[in-house]
Structures are given as structure tokens and as C-alpha cells.
Amino acid sequence: MTALRVPRLKVCGIVRPEDLVVCAELGVDAVGLNLWPESPRGRTVEALADLLAEAGDPTGPMRVGVFVDPEPAQVAEARRRLRLDVVQYHGDRLPDGFAELGPYVWVLRGAGDPSRLVVPDPPPAWILVDAHVPGYGGAGVVADWQAARRIVEWARPTPVVLAGGITPDNVRDAIAAVGPAGIDVASGAEVPGGPKGAKDRARVAALVEACKVLGNVAGTHRERTSP
């Protein structure tokens, strides 16, 4: 499996071409393209392909496809048409043949006793720790940072990205408390109370600046090739 550098900052739920351009301009390391139809930020492959084309198909941020219990054919099509760098699996299972579908993110909803966790084989590119809430995704709820810290320590050397209710106001506290390799933000990059998915340039810029402390991830901004 191809090794990938972990992103310092992943902005998830991109729904407008102008927001993808902003992320590329500000140096966001990865963007999440949500393909779960029940999410307010979910879009079809066709809609996301049009979004990428309208944005000029920027080559800066890594492209992460976000799925919930997908069929392998869905992942393969999205990887090809959207030129995804990595896929992020939510739900109750990894899809059949996931090892052949490219680098992936293993999502932990909540962070229980690490000794009970069994890392899939082959291992993930990174682990995402999110808040434990009904449904999929953190719903803007802050994760248990103390428990997430235990996952960070248990998972080494696999990098851990922290999600769940992170905003420009608490991102530095989250980094200090958990020590993650990266931060994953959706609603925290949006204007509170605004349209779901519409990102705010000032909030994205503040998150980029805060995440610089996580270190150099040169190599995530690279020319992409077709899978």
C-alpha cells in the first residue's frame, strides 16, 4: 500500500468550488469529499466531478473520499473519477476487498479501551478519532480528548488525526491536550449557523495557522497521477 503523509489540517465536506480554491490557496493539506447521500454535505460522484472541474481541478490538497458502508464498486468509481488519494471509511465494516481499493483512513467513533482494538490488515494510512454520537461523523460534538490521547499513544507509529467539534477557538487546546498528527474539521471551518458545507475563508486561515505547530508535512502537496 502506498505510504501517504498525514495532513496537518483536513477540511471536510467541500460542497462549493470556491471553497476548494480557498483551501488550495491557503495551504490546507487535505480536503474531504463526502459521498454519503444522507449527509447534508454529501454529494454524488457526478456533482463532485463538476465541482472539481469548476474549481480548475487544483492539485494542492490531498483528496479524501468519505464513505459510509460503501460497495467496492462505488469506491473504485469515485477513486477513478475524482482522483482520490485516500478513502475514509465510516460505518460498521470495511468493504470487501478494501486492501485493493487503495490507501484508507480507519475511523474510530469515540475512543474506548485501546487494548480491545485490532488494527485491520493491511494497516491504515492514518486513524481518525471522532466523537461518539448517533449516526456518522461527529455532528460538531467535541471528542473525548483524554481518551483520544490514549489512542495517539497506543497507535504509534500510525498517525492519528483528531476530529469532533474543533474550531478556531479551541484548536490550540485540542492540539495541546491530544498531541495528534493532524486535525479534521467540517463545521468548524464554517460560519456558525450558516449553510452546511459553505466554508469561511477567515476560519480556514485561522485553522491553517494554528495547525502549523503540528510540523512539516511536505509531500502532501504533490502532483497527482491517475490511480
Protein backbone atom coordinates (compact mmCIF):
# COMPACT_ATOMS: atom_id res chain seq x y z
CA MET A 1 0.00 0.00 0.00
CA THR A 2 1.28 3.44 -0.95
CA ALA A 3 2.52 5.45 2.02
CA LEU A 4 0.97 8.89 2.46
CA ARG A 5 1.97 11.75 4.66
CA VAL A 6 -0.64 12.59 7.25
CA PRO A 7 -2.30 16.01 6.80
CA ARG A 8 -1.87 18.65 9.46
CA LEU A 9 -5.27 20.02 8.51
CA LYS A 10 -8.08 18.31 6.64
CA VAL A 11 -11.12 20.40 5.79
CA CYS A 12 -14.02 18.03 5.22
CA GLY A 13 -17.33 18.41 3.43
CA ILE A 14 -16.34 20.59 0.49
CA VAL A 15 -19.51 21.47 -1.45
CA ARG A 16 -18.55 24.64 -3.36
CA PRO A 17 -15.77 25.08 -5.95
CA GLU A 18 -14.74 28.40 -4.43
CA ASP A 19 -14.05 26.68 -1.10
CA LEU A 20 -11.77 24.15 -2.77
CA VAL A 21 -9.87 27.05 -4.34
CA VAL A 22 -9.59 28.76 -0.94
CA CYS A 23 -8.22 25.57 0.65
CA ALA A 24 -5.61 25.26 -2.09
CA GLU A 25 -4.63 28.93 -1.80
CA LEU A 26 -4.29 28.80 2.00
CA GLY A 27 -2.24 25.60 2.06
CA VAL A 28 -4.79 23.19 3.54
CA ASP A 29 -3.22 19.74 3.40
CA ALA A 30 -6.31 17.66 2.59
CA VAL A 31 -9.95 18.13 1.67
CA GLY A 32 -12.78 15.69 2.32
CA LEU A 33 -15.26 14.95 -0.47
CA ASN A 34 -18.32 13.43 1.19
CA LEU A 35 -20.06 10.72 -0.83
CA TRP A 36 -22.63 9.67 1.77
CA PRO A 37 -26.04 10.78 0.43
CA GLU A 38 -27.61 11.16 3.89
CA SER A 39 -25.10 13.81 4.96
CA PRO A 40 -26.02 17.48 4.43
CA ARG A 41 -22.55 17.79 2.90
CA GLY A 42 -22.89 14.62 0.83
CA ARG A 43 -22.69 14.84 -2.95
CA THR A 44 -22.75 12.41 -5.85
CA VAL A 45 -19.66 11.49 -7.82
CA GLU A 46 -21.07 13.46 -10.75
CA ALA A 47 -21.64 16.59 -8.65
CA LEU A 48 -18.16 16.39 -7.14
CA ALA A 49 -16.56 15.85 -10.54
CA ASP A 50 -18.32 19.01 -11.75
CA LEU A 51 -17.16 20.85 -8.60
CA LEU A 52 -13.54 19.86 -9.25
CA ALA A 53 -13.76 20.96 -12.87
CA GLU A 54 -15.32 24.31 -11.96
CA ALA A 55 -12.57 24.88 -9.38
CA GLY A 56 -9.93 24.29 -12.06
CA ASP A 57 -9.01 20.85 -10.72
CA PRO A 58 -6.38 22.18 -8.26
CA THR A 59 -3.53 19.83 -7.43
CA GLY A 60 -2.69 21.16 -3.95
CA PRO A 61 -4.63 19.40 -1.18
CA MET A 62 -4.91 15.64 -0.94
CA ARG A 63 -8.35 14.38 -1.89
CA VAL A 64 -10.07 12.18 0.66
CA GLY A 65 -13.26 10.37 -0.32
CA VAL A 66 -15.61 9.93 2.64
CA PHE A 67 -17.88 6.85 2.55
CA VAL A 68 -20.33 5.04 4.82
CA ASP A 69 -20.50 1.25 4.32
CA PRO A 70 -19.82 1.52 0.58
CA GLU A 71 -19.77 -1.19 -2.03
CA PRO A 72 -16.31 -1.75 -3.55
CA ALA A 73 -17.53 -0.65 -7.00
CA GLN A 74 -18.62 2.71 -5.55
CA VAL A 75 -15.17 3.31 -4.09
CA ALA A 76 -13.41 2.27 -7.28
CA GLU A 77 -15.53 4.59 -9.42
CA ALA A 78 -15.02 7.55 -7.09
CA ARG A 79 -11.28 6.96 -6.90
CA ARG A 80 -11.06 6.96 -10.68
CA ARG A 81 -13.34 9.88 -11.47
CA LEU A 82 -12.33 12.14 -8.57
CA ARG A 83 -8.70 11.01 -8.46
CA LEU A 84 -8.86 10.35 -4.74
CA ASP A 85 -5.61 9.97 -2.84
CA VAL A 86 -7.15 8.11 0.09
CA VAL A 87 -10.57 6.84 1.19
CA GLN A 88 -12.12 7.31 4.63
CA TYR A 89 -14.47 4.57 5.79
CA HIS A 90 -17.29 5.20 8.26
CA GLY A 91 -19.86 2.62 9.21
CA ASP A 92 -19.95 -0.90 10.56
CA ARG A 93 -17.45 -2.60 8.28
CA LEU A 94 -14.67 -2.15 5.82
CA PRO A 95 -15.81 -3.05 2.29
CA ASP A 96 -14.91 -6.38 0.78
CA GLY A 97 -11.52 -6.23 -0.89
CA PHE A 98 -10.63 -2.94 0.83
CA ALA A 99 -6.94 -3.77 0.57
CA GLU A 100 -7.19 -3.48 -3.22
CA LEU A 101 -9.04 -0.15 -3.10
CA GLY A 102 -6.04 1.97 -2.15
CA PRO A 103 -4.84 3.76 0.99
CA TYR A 104 -7.54 4.27 3.59
CA VAL A 105 -8.40 6.00 6.85
CA TRP A 106 -9.67 3.87 9.74
CA VAL A 107 -12.32 5.79 11.70
CA LEU A 108 -12.87 5.28 15.43
CA ARG A 109 -16.14 6.75 16.69
CA GLY A 110 -15.21 7.53 20.24
CA ALA A 111 -12.04 6.23 21.82
CA GLY A 112 -12.60 3.33 24.15
CA ASP A 113 -10.11 0.89 25.61
CA PRO A 114 -7.23 0.68 23.08
CA SER A 115 -6.38 -2.83 24.23
CA ARG A 116 -9.64 -4.04 22.67
CA LEU A 117 -8.86 -2.60 19.24
CA VAL A 118 -7.49 -4.71 16.42
CA VAL A 119 -5.85 -2.78 13.60
CA PRO A 120 -7.01 -4.01 10.18
CA ASP A 121 -4.52 -5.69 7.89
CA PRO A 122 -3.17 -4.00 5.84
CA PRO A 123 -2.95 -1.08 8.25
CA PRO A 124 -4.50 2.32 7.53
CA ALA A 125 -2.67 5.38 6.25
CA TRP A 126 -3.87 7.07 9.41
CA ILE A 127 -6.50 6.71 12.13
CA LEU A 128 -9.27 9.27 12.59
CA VAL A 129 -10.72 9.67 16.10
CA ASP A 130 -14.14 11.32 16.12
CA ALA A 131 -16.81 11.97 18.73
CA HIS A 132 -19.14 9.09 19.59
CA VAL A 133 -22.58 10.31 18.55
CA PRO A 134 -25.57 8.76 16.77
CA GLY A 135 -25.08 8.49 13.03
CA TYR A 136 -21.79 9.02 11.24
CA GLY A 137 -19.44 11.94 11.73
CA GLY A 138 -19.04 13.96 14.88
CA ALA A 139 -22.00 16.33 14.34
CA GLY A 140 -19.88 19.17 15.71
CA VAL A 141 -19.60 17.47 19.11
CA VAL A 142 -16.21 17.72 20.83
CA ALA A 143 -14.50 14.34 21.17
CA ASP A 144 -13.18 13.00 24.46
CA TRP A 145 -9.68 14.46 24.27
CA GLN A 146 -8.29 12.43 27.17
CA ALA A 147 -9.41 9.20 25.53
CA ALA A 148 -8.11 10.40 22.15
CA ARG A 149 -4.72 11.00 23.74
CA ARG A 150 -4.63 7.34 24.76
CA ILE A 151 -5.33 6.33 21.18
CA VAL A 152 -2.47 8.54 19.97
CA GLU A 153 -0.07 6.81 22.32
CA TRP A 154 -1.40 3.31 21.56
CA ALA A 155 -1.36 3.75 17.79
CA ARG A 156 2.27 4.84 17.35
CA PRO A 157 3.79 4.87 14.77
CA THR A 158 0.47 5.04 12.91
CA PRO A 159 -0.55 8.72 12.87
CA VAL A 160 -3.82 9.81 14.46
CA VAL A 161 -5.97 12.69 13.21
CA LEU A 162 -8.42 14.26 15.66
CA ALA A 163 -11.94 15.29 14.63
CA GLY A 164 -15.06 16.33 16.51
CA GLY A 165 -16.15 19.88 17.28
CA ILE A 166 -12.82 21.55 16.52
CA THR A 167 -12.98 25.28 15.75
CA PRO A 168 -10.50 28.16 15.51
CA ASP A 169 -11.37 28.89 19.15
CA ASN A 170 -10.39 25.50 20.59
CA VAL A 171 -7.95 24.04 18.06
CA ARG A 172 -4.84 25.00 20.02
CA ASP A 173 -6.27 23.46 23.19
CA ALA A 174 -7.10 20.29 21.24
CA ILE A 175 -3.57 20.01 19.88
CA ALA A 176 -2.06 20.56 23.33
CA ALA A 177 -4.36 18.04 25.01
CA VAL A 178 -4.23 15.24 22.44
CA GLY A 179 -0.96 15.64 20.52
CA PRO A 180 -2.46 14.42 17.23
CA ALA A 181 -0.66 14.26 13.91
CA GLY A 182 -3.45 16.27 12.32
CA ILE A 183 -6.83 17.91 12.73
CA ASP A 184 -10.03 17.20 10.78
CA VAL A 185 -12.64 19.97 10.60
CA ALA A 186 -16.01 20.33 8.86
CA SER A 187 -18.45 22.61 10.68
CA GLY A 188 -15.58 24.34 12.48
CA ALA A 189 -14.46 25.81 9.16
CA GLU A 190 -17.94 27.21 8.51
CA VAL A 191 -19.74 30.28 9.79
CA PRO A 192 -21.83 29.19 12.80
CA GLY A 193 -25.45 29.00 11.74
CA GLY A 194 -24.57 29.35 8.08
CA PRO A 195 -25.27 26.95 5.21
CA LYS A 196 -23.99 23.41 5.76
CA GLY A 197 -20.76 22.90 3.85
CA ALA A 198 -20.09 26.55 2.97
CA LYS A 199 -16.60 27.30 4.28
CA ASP A 200 -15.38 30.63 5.63
CA ARG A 201 -12.01 31.85 4.40
CA ALA A 202 -11.08 33.56 7.67
CA ARG A 203 -11.86 30.48 9.75
CA VAL A 204 -9.94 28.21 7.38
CA ALA A 205 -6.97 30.59 7.53
CA ALA A 206 -7.07 30.58 11.34
CA LEU A 207 -7.09 26.78 11.42
CA VAL A 208 -4.17 26.59 8.97
CA GLU A 209 -2.15 28.96 11.15
CA ALA A 210 -2.94 27.05 14.34
CA CYS A 211 -2.03 23.70 12.79
CA LYS A 212 1.44 24.81 11.72
CA VAL A 213 2.65 23.65 15.14
CA LEU A 214 1.95 20.07 14.07
CA GLY A 215 5.08 20.08 11.95
CA ASN A 216 6.19 19.87 8.36
CA VAL A 217 4.15 17.63 6.09
CA ALA A 218 5.94 18.42 2.86
CA GLY A 219 4.90 15.87 0.29
CA THR A 220 1.14 16.07 0.73
CA HIS A 221 1.08 18.89 -1.81
CA ARG A 222 2.15 16.96 -4.84
CA GLU A 223 1.24 16.47 -8.46
CA ARG A 224 -1.37 13.75 -8.63
CA THR A 225 -1.46 10.85 -11.02
CA SER A 226 -4.40 8.72 -12.00
CA PRO A 227 -4.89 5.65 -9.76
